[in-house]
C-alpha atoms as a PDB file:
ATOM      1  CA  MET A   1     -11.632  14.733 -38.995  1.00  0.00           C
ATOM      2  CA  GLU A   2     -12.203  11.052 -39.813  1.00  0.00           C
ATOM      3  CA  ASP A   3     -10.976   8.354 -37.490  1.00  0.00           C
ATOM      4  CA  GLU A   4      -7.912   6.407 -38.485  1.00  0.00           C
ATOM      5  CA  GLU A   5      -7.047   2.770 -37.809  1.00  0.00           C
ATOM      6  CA  ASP A   6      -3.894   0.938 -36.818  1.00  0.00           C
ATOM      7  CA  LYS A   7      -2.929  -2.387 -35.285  1.00  0.00           C
ATOM      8  CA  PHE A   8      -0.846  -3.315 -32.282  1.00  0.00           C
ATOM      9  CA  PHE A   9       0.744  -6.765 -32.307  1.00  0.00           C
ATOM     10  CA  PHE A  10       1.758  -8.446 -29.050  1.00  0.00           C
ATOM     11  CA  GLU A  11       5.222  -9.933 -28.838  1.00  0.00           C
ATOM     12  CA  SER A  12       5.682 -13.604 -29.655  1.00  0.00           C
ATOM     13  CA  GLY A  13       4.273 -15.888 -26.991  1.00  0.00           C
ATOM     14  CA  MET A  14       2.053 -13.262 -25.408  1.00  0.00           C
ATOM     15  CA  SER A  15      -1.713 -13.335 -25.474  1.00  0.00           C
ATOM     16  CA  LEU A  16      -4.512 -10.883 -24.916  1.00  0.00           C
ATOM     17  CA  HIS A  17      -5.612 -12.851 -21.854  1.00  0.00           C
ATOM     18  CA  GLU A  18      -2.214 -12.434 -20.157  1.00  0.00           C
ATOM     19  CA  ILE A  19      -1.751  -8.769 -21.011  1.00  0.00           C
ATOM     20  CA  PHE A  20      -5.281  -7.812 -19.968  1.00  0.00           C
ATOM     21  CA  ALA A  21      -5.080  -9.552 -16.595  1.00  0.00           C
ATOM     22  CA  GLY A  22      -7.546 -12.270 -17.543  1.00  0.00           C
ATOM     23  CA  HIS A  23     -10.444  -9.820 -17.922  1.00  0.00           C
ATOM     24  CA  ALA A  24     -10.087  -8.946 -21.590  1.00  0.00           C
ATOM     25  CA  ALA A  25     -13.658  -7.865 -22.346  1.00  0.00           C
ATOM     26  CA  LYS A  26     -14.053  -5.726 -19.226  1.00  0.00           C
ATOM     27  CA  ASN A  27     -10.596  -4.185 -19.467  1.00  0.00           C
ATOM     28  CA  LEU A  28     -10.891  -3.460 -23.184  1.00  0.00           C
ATOM     29  CA  LYS A  29     -14.043  -1.426 -22.517  1.00  0.00           C
ATOM     30  CA  GLN A  30     -12.326   0.400 -19.681  1.00  0.00           C
ATOM     31  CA  ALA A  31      -9.306   1.179 -21.882  1.00  0.00           C
ATOM     32  CA  GLU A  32     -11.575   2.348 -24.720  1.00  0.00           C
ATOM     33  CA  SER A  33     -13.395   4.728 -22.397  1.00  0.00           C
ATOM     34  CA  GLN A  34     -10.320   6.207 -20.738  1.00  0.00           C
ATOM     35  CA  LEU A  35      -8.094   6.411 -23.814  1.00  0.00           C
ATOM     36  CA  GLY A  36     -10.847   7.639 -26.153  1.00  0.00           C
ATOM     37  CA  VAL A  37     -10.299   4.994 -28.837  1.00  0.00           C
ATOM     38  CA  GLY A  38     -12.063   1.981 -30.293  1.00  0.00           C
ATOM     39  CA  LEU A  39     -10.447  -1.390 -29.624  1.00  0.00           C
ATOM     40  CA  LEU A  40     -11.153  -4.598 -31.510  1.00  0.00           C
ATOM     41  CA  ALA A  41      -9.142  -7.482 -30.112  1.00  0.00           C
ATOM     42  CA  ARG A  42      -7.901 -10.796 -31.345  1.00  0.00           C
ATOM     43  CA  ASP A  43      -5.628 -13.191 -29.471  1.00  0.00           C
ATOM     44  CA  TYR A  44      -2.331 -11.666 -30.612  1.00  0.00           C
ATOM     45  CA  TRP A  45      -3.223  -8.216 -31.938  1.00  0.00           C
ATOM     46  CA  ILE A  46      -5.602  -5.309 -31.370  1.00  0.00           C
ATOM     47  CA  LYS A  47      -7.085  -2.949 -33.946  1.00  0.00           C
ATOM     48  CA  ILE A  48      -7.176   0.630 -32.658  1.00  0.00           C
ATOM     49  CA  SER A  49      -9.418   3.298 -34.167  1.00  0.00           C
ATOM     50  CA  GLY A  50      -9.545   6.988 -33.352  1.00  0.00           C
ATOM     51  CA  THR A  51      -7.622  10.176 -33.983  1.00  0.00           C
ATOM     52  CA  ALA A  52      -3.928   9.827 -34.794  1.00  0.00           C
ATOM     53  CA  SER A  53      -2.849  11.243 -31.435  1.00  0.00           C
ATOM     54  CA  ARG A  54      -5.145   8.948 -29.468  1.00  0.00           C
ATOM     55  CA  ILE A  55      -4.056   5.910 -31.479  1.00  0.00           C
ATOM     56  CA  ALA A  56      -0.443   6.756 -30.689  1.00  0.00           C
ATOM     57  CA  ARG A  57      -1.330   7.093 -27.008  1.00  0.00           C
ATOM     58  CA  ALA A  58      -3.180   3.774 -27.014  1.00  0.00           C
ATOM     59  CA  LYS A  59      -0.230   2.023 -28.678  1.00  0.00           C
ATOM     60  CA  SER A  60       2.081   3.460 -26.019  1.00  0.00           C
ATOM     61  CA  PHE A  61      -0.284   2.043 -23.406  1.00  0.00           C
ATOM     62  CA  MET A  62      -0.127  -1.411 -25.002  1.00  0.00           C
ATOM     63  CA  GLU A  63       3.662  -1.196 -25.190  1.00  0.00           C
ATOM     64  CA  GLU A  64       3.838  -0.285 -21.504  1.00  0.00           C
ATOM     65  CA  LEU A  65       1.644  -3.252 -20.591  1.00  0.00           C
ATOM     66  CA  THR A  66       4.016  -5.474 -22.537  1.00  0.00           C
ATOM     67  CA  LYS A  67       7.159  -4.031 -20.939  1.00  0.00           C
ATOM     68  CA  ILE A  68       5.806  -4.458 -17.425  1.00  0.00           C
ATOM     69  CA  PHE A  69       4.607  -7.969 -18.228  1.00  0.00           C
ATOM     70  CA  LEU A  70       8.183  -8.839 -19.263  1.00  0.00           C
ATOM     71  CA  LEU A  71       9.645  -7.040 -16.244  1.00  0.00           C
ATOM     72  CA  ARG A  72       7.437  -8.954 -13.828  1.00  0.00           C
ATOM     73  CA  LYS A  73       7.928 -12.259 -15.680  1.00  0.00           C
ATOM     74  CA  ARG A  74       4.352 -13.237 -14.854  1.00  0.00           C
ATOM     75  CA  HIS A  75       0.839 -12.281 -15.882  1.00  0.00           C
ATOM     76  CA  LEU A  76      -0.507  -8.898 -14.886  1.00  0.00           C
ATOM     77  CA  ASP A  77      -3.257  -8.798 -12.279  1.00  0.00           C
ATOM     78  CA  GLN A  78      -6.204  -6.439 -12.204  1.00  0.00           C
ATOM     79  CA  ASN A  79      -4.417  -3.970  -9.941  1.00  0.00           C
ATOM     80  CA  ASP A  80      -1.504  -3.812 -12.370  1.00  0.00           C
ATOM     81  CA  PHE A  81      -3.797  -3.165 -15.308  1.00  0.00           C
ATOM     82  CA  GLU A  82      -5.781  -0.441 -13.542  1.00  0.00           C
ATOM     83  CA  GLN A  83      -2.630   1.208 -12.233  1.00  0.00           C
ATOM     84  CA  ILE A  84      -1.078   1.428 -15.687  1.00  0.00           C
ATOM     85  CA  LEU A  85      -4.296   2.665 -17.282  1.00  0.00           C
ATOM     86  CA  ARG A  86      -4.744   5.261 -14.572  1.00  0.00           C
ATOM     87  CA  ALA A  87      -1.186   6.503 -15.061  1.00  0.00           C
ATOM     88  CA  PHE A  88      -1.891   7.001 -18.784  1.00  0.00           C
ATOM     89  CA  ARG A  89      -5.177   8.746 -18.043  1.00  0.00           C
ATOM     90  CA  GLU A  90      -3.399  11.150 -15.668  1.00  0.00           C
ATOM     91  CA  GLU A  91      -0.337  11.458 -17.951  1.00  0.00           C
ATOM     92  CA  ARG A  92       1.959   9.953 -15.336  1.00  0.00           C
ATOM     93  CA  ASP A  93       3.099   7.052 -17.494  1.00  0.00           C
ATOM     94  CA  HIS A  94       6.719   8.258 -17.320  1.00  0.00           C
ATOM     95  CA  GLU A  95       6.721   7.052 -13.672  1.00  0.00           C
ATOM     96  CA  LEU A  96       5.726   3.471 -14.381  1.00  0.00           C
ATOM     97  CA  GLN A  97       9.130   1.947 -15.112  1.00  0.00           C
ATOM     98  CA  SER A  98      10.631   3.371 -11.899  1.00  0.00           C
ATOM     99  CA  LEU A  99       7.643   2.095  -9.892  1.00  0.00           C
ATOM    100  CA  TYR A 100       7.880  -1.432 -11.217  1.00  0.00           C
ATOM    101  CA  ALA A 101      11.668  -1.464 -10.889  1.00  0.00           C
ATOM    102  CA  GLU A 102      11.257  -1.082  -7.107  1.00  0.00           C
ATOM    103  CA  ARG A 103      10.483  -4.554  -5.767  1.00  0.00           C
ATOM    104  CA  ILE A 104      10.072  -5.816  -2.219  1.00  0.00           C
ATOM    105  CA  LYS A 105      10.858  -9.505  -1.896  1.00  0.00           C
ATOM    106  CA  VAL A 106       8.787 -11.198   0.781  1.00  0.00           C
ATOM    107  CA  GLY A 107       8.089 -14.864   1.569  1.00  0.00           C
ATOM    108  CA  ILE A 108       8.683 -17.888  -0.634  1.00  0.00           C
ATOM    109  CA  ASP A 109       5.932 -18.402  -3.213  1.00  0.00           C
ATOM    110  CA  LYS A 110       4.657 -14.870  -2.576  1.00  0.00           C
ATOM    111  CA  ARG A 111       4.792 -12.345  -5.387  1.00  0.00           C
ATOM    112  CA  ASP A 112       7.110  -9.354  -5.053  1.00  0.00           C
ATOM    113  CA  ILE A 113       5.370  -6.217  -3.844  1.00  0.00           C
ATOM    114  CA  VAL A 114       5.771  -3.021  -5.859  1.00  0.00           C
ATOM    115  CA  PRO A 115       4.709   0.573  -5.211  1.00  0.00           C
ATOM    116  CA  ARG A 116       1.777   1.755  -7.301  1.00  0.00           C
ATOM    117  CA  THR A 117       2.101   5.533  -7.033  1.00  0.00           C
ATOM    118  CA  ARG A 118       4.888   8.082  -6.796  1.00  0.00           C
ATOM    119  CA  ALA A 119       3.962   8.769  -3.170  1.00  0.00           C
ATOM    120  CA  GLN A 120       4.353   5.070  -2.377  1.00  0.00           C
ATOM    121  CA  LEU A 121       7.744   5.006  -4.091  1.00  0.00           C
ATOM    122  CA  ASP A 122       8.913   8.011  -2.050  1.00  0.00           C
ATOM    123  CA  TYR A 123       7.549   6.341   1.087  1.00  0.00           C
ATOM    124  CA  LEU A 124       9.642   3.215   0.476  1.00  0.00           C
ATOM    125  CA  SER A 125      12.702   5.360  -0.161  1.00  0.00           C
ATOM    126  CA  ALA A 126      12.138   7.127   3.152  1.00  0.00           C
ATOM    127  CA  ILE A 127      11.793   3.800   4.996  1.00  0.00           C
ATOM    128  CA  ARG A 128      15.062   2.615   3.467  1.00  0.00           C
ATOM    129  CA  ASN A 129      16.894   5.769   4.530  1.00  0.00           C
ATOM    130  CA  ARG A 130      15.362   7.000   7.802  1.00  0.00           C
ATOM    131  CA  ASP A 131      15.017   5.363  11.208  1.00  0.00           C
ATOM    132  CA  ILE A 132      11.585   6.883  11.870  1.00  0.00           C
ATOM    133  CA  VAL A 133       9.004   7.416   9.126  1.00  0.00           C
ATOM    134  CA  PHE A 134       5.429   8.696   9.365  1.00  0.00           C
ATOM    135  CA  GLY A 135       2.958   7.671   6.654  1.00  0.00           C
ATOM    136  CA  ILE A 136      -0.098   9.925   6.835  1.00  0.00           C
ATOM    137  CA  GLY A 137      -3.143   9.780   4.575  1.00  0.00           C
ATOM    138  CA  PRO A 138      -6.479   8.129   3.805  1.00  0.00           C
ATOM    139  CA  ALA A 139      -7.377   4.461   3.947  1.00  0.00           C
ATOM    140  CA  GLY A 140      -6.326   2.240   1.076  1.00  0.00           C
ATOM    141  CA  THR A 141      -3.124   4.083   0.178  1.00  0.00           C
ATOM    142  CA  GLY A 142      -0.810   1.231   1.199  1.00  0.00           C
ATOM    143  CA  LYS A 143       0.747   2.919   4.219  1.00  0.00           C
ATOM    144  CA  THR A 144       0.658  -0.107   6.520  1.00  0.00           C
ATOM    145  CA  TYR A 145       0.849  -2.750   3.817  1.00  0.00           C
ATOM    146  CA  LEU A 146       4.092  -1.400   2.342  1.00  0.00           C
ATOM    147  CA  ALA A 147       5.610  -0.891   5.788  1.00  0.00           C
ATOM    148  CA  MET A 148       4.843  -4.514   6.633  1.00  0.00           C
ATOM    149  CA  ALA A 149       6.298  -5.687   3.340  1.00  0.00           C
ATOM    150  CA  MET A 150       9.509  -3.846   4.146  1.00  0.00           C
ATOM    151  CA  ALA A 151       9.535  -5.299   7.657  1.00  0.00           C
ATOM    152  CA  VAL A 152       9.136  -8.868   6.367  1.00  0.00           C
ATOM    153  CA  SER A 153      11.782  -8.341   3.681  1.00  0.00           C
ATOM    154  CA  GLU A 154      14.273  -6.909   6.184  1.00  0.00           C
ATOM    155  CA  LEU A 155      13.612  -9.752   8.637  1.00  0.00           C
ATOM    156  CA  LEU A 156      14.155 -12.404   5.969  1.00  0.00           C
ATOM    157  CA  GLN A 157      17.457 -10.718   5.072  1.00  0.00           C
ATOM    158  CA  ASN A 158      18.474 -10.897   8.765  1.00  0.00           C
ATOM    159  CA  ASN A 159      18.763  -7.124   9.035  1.00  0.00           C
ATOM    160  CA  TYR A 160      16.540  -7.215  12.138  1.00  0.00           C
ATOM    161  CA  SER A 161      15.882  -9.998  14.612  1.00  0.00           C
ATOM    162  CA  ARG A 162      12.153  -9.346  15.055  1.00  0.00           C
ATOM    163  CA  ILE A 163       9.105  -7.470  13.855  1.00  0.00           C
ATOM    164  CA  ILE A 164       6.726  -5.726  16.243  1.00  0.00           C
ATOM    165  CA  LEU A 165       3.311  -4.719  14.921  1.00  0.00           C
ATOM    166  CA  THR A 166       1.119  -2.634  17.175  1.00  0.00           C
ATOM    167  CA  ARG A 167      -1.953  -0.451  17.124  1.00  0.00           C
ATOM    168  CA  PRO A 168      -4.119   1.244  19.754  1.00  0.00           C
ATOM    169  CA  ALA A 169      -7.216  -0.766  20.668  1.00  0.00           C
ATOM    170  CA  LYS A 170      -9.608   2.138  20.453  1.00  0.00           C
ATOM    171  CA  GLU A 171     -13.252   1.262  20.739  1.00  0.00           C
ATOM    172  CA  ALA A 172     -14.453   2.640  17.376  1.00  0.00           C
ATOM    173  CA  GLY A 173     -17.910   3.320  18.755  1.00  0.00           C
ATOM    174  CA  GLU A 174     -18.074   0.082  20.764  1.00  0.00           C
ATOM    175  CA  ASN A 175     -17.396  -0.601  24.422  1.00  0.00           C
ATOM    176  CA  LEU A 176     -14.782  -3.295  25.016  1.00  0.00           C
ATOM    177  CA  GLY A 177     -16.287  -4.058  28.388  1.00  0.00           C
ATOM    178  CA  PHE A 178     -19.478  -5.328  26.774  1.00  0.00           C
ATOM    179  CA  LEU A 179     -17.707  -7.637  24.331  1.00  0.00           C
ATOM    180  CA  PRO A 180     -17.490 -11.347  25.225  1.00  0.00           C
ATOM    181  CA  GLY A 181     -14.259 -13.105  26.111  1.00  0.00           C
ATOM    182  CA  ASN A 182     -11.048 -12.309  27.956  1.00  0.00           C
ATOM    183  CA  LEU A 183      -8.850  -9.281  27.231  1.00  0.00           C
ATOM    184  CA  GLU A 184      -6.908 -11.051  24.472  1.00  0.00           C
ATOM    185  CA  GLU A 185     -10.114 -12.116  22.738  1.00  0.00           C
ATOM    186  CA  LYS A 186     -11.530  -8.596  22.989  1.00  0.00           C
ATOM    187  CA  ILE A 187      -8.410  -7.033  21.517  1.00  0.00           C
ATOM    188  CA  MET A 188      -7.909  -9.535  18.673  1.00  0.00           C
ATOM    189  CA  PRO A 189     -10.427  -7.898  16.243  1.00  0.00           C
ATOM    190  CA  TYR A 190      -8.424  -4.678  16.389  1.00  0.00           C
ATOM    191  CA  LEU A 191      -5.246  -6.536  15.413  1.00  0.00           C
ATOM    192  CA  ARG A 192      -6.810  -8.726  12.712  1.00  0.00           C
ATOM    193  CA  PRO A 193      -5.939  -6.325   9.807  1.00  0.00           C
ATOM    194  CA  LEU A 194      -2.265  -6.674  10.718  1.00  0.00           C
ATOM    195  CA  TYR A 195      -2.510 -10.458  10.622  1.00  0.00           C
ATOM    196  CA  ASP A 196      -4.334 -10.313   7.283  1.00  0.00           C
ATOM    197  CA  ALA A 197      -1.516  -8.305   5.711  1.00  0.00           C
ATOM    198  CA  LEU A 198       1.113 -10.548   7.281  1.00  0.00           C
ATOM    199  CA  TYR A 199      -0.410 -13.687   5.759  1.00  0.00           C
ATOM    200  CA  ASP A 200      -0.292 -11.985   2.355  1.00  0.00           C
ATOM    201  CA  MET A 201       3.495 -11.881   2.654  1.00  0.00           C
ATOM    202  CA  LEU A 202       4.351 -15.154   4.379  1.00  0.00           C
ATOM    203  CA  ASN A 203       2.975 -18.658   4.104  1.00  0.00           C
ATOM    204  CA  PHE A 204       0.563 -19.415   6.940  1.00  0.00           C
ATOM    205  CA  ASP A 205       2.804 -22.019   8.579  1.00  0.00           C
ATOM    206  CA  GLU A 206       5.882 -19.807   8.333  1.00  0.00           C
ATOM    207  CA  ALA A 207       4.065 -16.802   9.797  1.00  0.00           C
ATOM    208  CA  SER A 208       2.543 -18.904  12.576  1.00  0.00           C
ATOM    209  CA  LYS A 209       5.949 -20.283  13.599  1.00  0.00           C
ATOM    210  CA  LEU A 210       7.483 -16.808  13.677  1.00  0.00           C
ATOM    211  CA  ILE A 211       4.589 -15.562  15.808  1.00  0.00           C
ATOM    212  CA  GLU A 212       4.855 -18.547  18.162  1.00  0.00           C
ATOM    213  CA  ARG A 213       8.568 -17.833  18.629  1.00  0.00           C
ATOM    214  CA  ASN A 214       7.841 -14.140  19.224  1.00  0.00           C
ATOM    215  CA  ILE A 215      10.010 -13.200  16.255  1.00  0.00           C
ATOM    216  CA  ILE A 216       6.877 -11.491  14.958  1.00  0.00           C
ATOM    217  CA  GLU A 217       4.822  -9.894  17.701  1.00  0.00           C
ATOM    218  CA  VAL A 218       1.369  -8.422  17.154  1.00  0.00           C
ATOM    219  CA  ALA A 219       0.163  -6.548  20.213  1.00  0.00           C
ATOM    220  CA  PRO A 220      -1.913  -3.571  21.327  1.00  0.00           C
ATOM    221  CA  LEU A 221      -0.049  -0.336  21.958  1.00  0.00           C
ATOM    222  CA  ALA A 222      -0.575  -0.533  25.722  1.00  0.00           C
ATOM    223  CA  PHE A 223       1.743  -3.555  25.775  1.00  0.00           C
ATOM    224  CA  MET A 224       4.663  -1.383  24.592  1.00  0.00           C
ATOM    225  CA  ARG A 225       4.887   0.607  27.815  1.00  0.00           C
ATOM    226  CA  GLY A 226       8.138   0.184  29.730  1.00  0.00           C
ATOM    227  CA  ARG A 227       9.925  -1.697  26.947  1.00  0.00           C
ATOM    228  CA  THR A 228      13.068  -0.927  24.945  1.00  0.00           C
ATOM    229  CA  LEU A 229      12.811  -2.258  21.397  1.00  0.00           C
ATOM    230  CA  ASN A 230      16.290  -3.191  20.144  1.00  0.00           C
ATOM    231  CA  ASN A 231      17.145  -4.735  16.765  1.00  0.00           C
ATOM    232  CA  ALA A 232      13.518  -4.571  15.686  1.00  0.00           C
ATOM    233  CA  PHE A 233      11.394  -3.284  12.834  1.00  0.00           C
ATOM    234  CA  VAL A 234       8.457  -1.649  14.614  1.00  0.00           C
ATOM    235  CA  ILE A 235       5.178  -0.543  13.013  1.00  0.00           C
ATOM    236  CA  LEU A 236       2.511   1.505  14.761  1.00  0.00           C
ATOM    237  CA  ASP A 237      -0.738   1.363  12.805  1.00  0.00           C
ATOM    238  CA  GLU A 238      -3.864   3.538  13.253  1.00  0.00           C
ATOM    239  CA  ALA A 239      -1.711   6.133  14.986  1.00  0.00           C
ATOM    240  CA  GLN A 240      -4.436   8.783  14.671  1.00  0.00           C
ATOM    241  CA  ASN A 241      -6.039   6.991  17.636  1.00  0.00           C
ATOM    242  CA  THR A 242      -3.096   7.583  19.966  1.00  0.00           C
ATOM    243  CA  THR A 243      -3.144  10.351  22.527  1.00  0.00           C
ATOM    244  CA  GLU A 244      -0.178  12.699  22.732  1.00  0.00           C
ATOM    245  CA  GLU A 245       1.063  10.809  25.805  1.00  0.00           C
ATOM    246  CA  GLN A 246       0.784   7.442  24.056  1.00  0.00           C
ATOM    247  CA  MET A 247       2.680   8.692  21.013  1.00  0.00           C
ATOM    248  CA  LEU A 248       5.512  10.014  23.174  1.00  0.00           C
ATOM    249  CA  MET A 249       5.583   6.705  25.059  1.00  0.00           C
ATOM    250  CA  PHE A 250       5.805   4.779  21.804  1.00  0.00           C
ATOM    251  CA  LEU A 251       8.465   6.943  20.166  1.00  0.00           C
ATOM    252  CA  THR A 252      10.722   6.649  23.205  1.00  0.00           C
ATOM    253  CA  ARG A 253      10.628   2.818  23.048  1.00  0.00           C
ATOM    254  CA  LEU A 254      12.992   2.802  20.053  1.00  0.00           C
ATOM    255  CA  GLY A 255      16.272   1.094  20.870  1.00  0.00           C
ATOM    256  CA  PHE A 256      19.550   0.364  19.099  1.00  0.00           C
ATOM    257  CA  ASN A 257      19.499  -0.862  15.476  1.00  0.00           C
ATOM    258  CA  SER A 258      15.748  -0.407  15.218  1.00  0.00           C
ATOM    259  CA  GLN A 259      13.445   1.043  12.595  1.00  0.00           C
ATOM    260  CA  CYS A 260      10.048   2.564  13.220  1.00  0.00           C
ATOM    261  CA  VAL A 261       7.153   3.313  10.854  1.00  0.00           C
ATOM    262  CA  ILE A 262       4.045   5.105  12.113  1.00  0.00           C
ATOM    263  CA  THR A 263       0.915   5.139   9.951  1.00  0.00           C
ATOM    264  CA  GLY A 264      -2.436   6.823  10.333  1.00  0.00           C
ATOM    265  CA  ASP A 265      -5.386   8.634   8.800  1.00  0.00           C
ATOM    266  CA  PRO A 266      -6.264  11.826  10.706  1.00  0.00           C
ATOM    267  CA  SER A 267      -9.743  11.860   9.141  1.00  0.00           C
ATOM    268  CA  GLN A 268     -10.713   8.596  10.861  1.00  0.00           C
ATOM    269  CA  THR A 269      -9.916   9.213  14.511  1.00  0.00           C
ATOM    270  CA  ASP A 270     -11.920   7.387  17.184  1.00  0.00           C
ATOM    271  CA  LEU A 271     -10.662   9.606  19.999  1.00  0.00           C
ATOM    272  CA  PRO A 272     -13.108  11.676  22.053  1.00  0.00           C
ATOM    273  CA  LYS A 273     -13.748  15.092  20.543  1.00  0.00           C
ATOM    274  CA  ASN A 274     -11.826  16.891  23.268  1.00  0.00           C
ATOM    275  CA  ALA A 275      -8.739  14.640  22.953  1.00  0.00           C
ATOM    276  CA  GLY A 276      -5.857  15.686  20.697  1.00  0.00           C
ATOM    277  CA  SER A 277      -4.427  13.110  18.284  1.00  0.00           C
ATOM    278  CA  GLY A 278      -0.892  12.012  19.014  1.00  0.00           C
ATOM    279  CA  LEU A 279      -0.306  11.623  15.284  1.00  0.00           C
ATOM    280  CA  LEU A 280      -1.104  15.245  14.456  1.00  0.00           C
ATOM    281  CA  HIS A 281       0.791  16.479  17.501  1.00  0.00           C
ATOM    282  CA  ALA A 282       3.875  14.483  16.515  1.00  0.00           C
ATOM    283  CA  ALA A 283       3.714  15.759  12.931  1.00  0.00           C
ATOM    284  CA  ALA A 284       3.707  19.355  14.191  1.00  0.00           C
ATOM    285  CA  THR A 285       6.282  18.823  16.939  1.00  0.00           C
ATOM    286  CA  LEU A 286       8.858  16.715  15.107  1.00  0.00           C
ATOM    287  CA  LYS A 287       8.739  18.209  11.616  1.00  0.00           C
ATOM    288  CA  ALA A 288      12.058  20.035  12.058  1.00  0.00           C
ATOM    289  CA  ILE A 289      14.017  16.865  12.895  1.00  0.00           C
ATOM    290  CA  GLN A 290      15.743  15.906   9.663  1.00  0.00           C
ATOM    291  CA  GLU A 291      16.253  12.272  10.635  1.00  0.00           C
ATOM    292  CA  ILE A 292      12.477  11.774  10.747  1.00  0.00           C
ATOM    293  CA  ALA A 293      10.542  11.560   7.467  1.00  0.00           C
ATOM    294  CA  PHE A 294       6.903  12.537   6.983  1.00  0.00           C
ATOM    295  CA  CYS A 295       5.239  11.055   3.904  1.00  0.00           C
ATOM    296  CA  SER A 296       1.794  12.261   2.854  1.00  0.00           C
ATOM    297  CA  PHE A 297      -0.781  10.368   0.800  1.00  0.00           C
ATOM    298  CA  THR A 298      -3.971  11.574  -0.868  1.00  0.00           C
ATOM    299  CA  SER A 299      -7.009   9.900  -2.416  1.00  0.00           C
ATOM    300  CA  ARG A 300      -5.009   9.697  -5.695  1.00  0.00           C
ATOM    301  CA  ASP A 301      -2.814   7.091  -3.975  1.00  0.00           C
ATOM    302  CA  VAL A 302      -5.687   4.757  -3.117  1.00  0.00           C
ATOM    303  CA  VAL A 303      -4.935   1.294  -4.494  1.00  0.00           C
ATOM    304  CA  ARG A 304      -8.094  -0.527  -3.484  1.00  0.00           C
ATOM    305  CA  HIS A 305     -11.211  -0.822  -5.610  1.00  0.00           C
ATOM    306  CA  ALA A 306     -11.544   2.186  -7.941  1.00  0.00           C
ATOM    307  CA  LEU A 307     -14.703   3.251  -6.098  1.00  0.00           C
ATOM    308  CA  VAL A 308     -12.763   3.787  -2.848  1.00  0.00           C
ATOM    309  CA  GLU A 309     -11.075   6.902  -4.250  1.00  0.00           C
ATOM    310  CA  LYS A 310     -14.464   8.305  -5.308  1.00  0.00           C
ATOM    311  CA  ILE A 311     -15.945   7.562  -1.880  1.00  0.00           C
ATOM    312  CA  ILE A 312     -13.065   9.313  -0.100  1.00  0.00           C
ATOM    313  CA  ASN A 313     -13.356  12.350  -2.360  1.00  0.00           C
ATOM    314  CA  ALA A 314     -17.125  12.525  -1.837  1.00  0.00           C
ATOM    315  CA  TYR A 315     -16.752  12.523   1.943  1.00  0.00           C
ATOM    316  CA  GLN A 316     -13.966  15.110   1.827  1.00  0.00           C
ATOM    317  CA  GLN A 317     -16.182  17.429  -0.209  1.00  0.00           C
ATOM    318  CA  GLU A 318     -18.871  17.199   2.478  1.00  0.00           C
ATOM    319  CA  LYS A 319     -16.535  18.646   5.106  1.00  0.00           C
END
């Protein structure tokens, strides 16, 4: 069967550069490979060659890019482009409009945050509707990032009076006692990923002021002992590194009008081999409590560099 040809014209005012996230040449080749068509681009139209069914699929892909561009009212970034292309490759394009319709508004001058997979969308729904939510799955699936986005959004809407971000300061193969500095300086590297995500969602000065006023608190898990956390959005990150006793301690800190999200990756525990993970124990012990939600992620939900998913899958196959 001979290949056919057709053209797709962008809507008035749109350009190839905007629709293809500023990486037209690279992204055209990627789209050609994954959609099984030939693409020859000009500024305001693209010639598509291939079988009739693949041309139709490619045109649907271009239409979806256009719709989401209009929905976002700004240019698409590389993550957007790869997410949409991946959804078409996996025949999940029917999910895209619902994903991009869900928007988390964070700080001024910061772009809205949107879920990128169905699991992420379900996760956000659970956070909106349950007081305690567990997000369990591999690195790069947005578990902590989305929870922090929700925390910032809720704080800015005055639904909570503070955010508390915590994680266990496990040694990850290093001995804290041999590291230079005082206790705060030794612990800071373990908390840095939380700060990095926070500064993605708030301007530096705004975040710094909120931290100085203790409206946003970033602290190791040990600092939670003995406290009652009222009117707070609380996030426990790297929960696979909690012991069963630590997890129970943390869960019983929850006070009135508070929300709690616990995230972790059971495959990356730094606990001693003979120590049980508080995350896995909690998942088994609390699964029957309807007010608690457990959301699972897989390598298909990874939203970092495309190679991260392949790396995770390769390691999982070795086990």
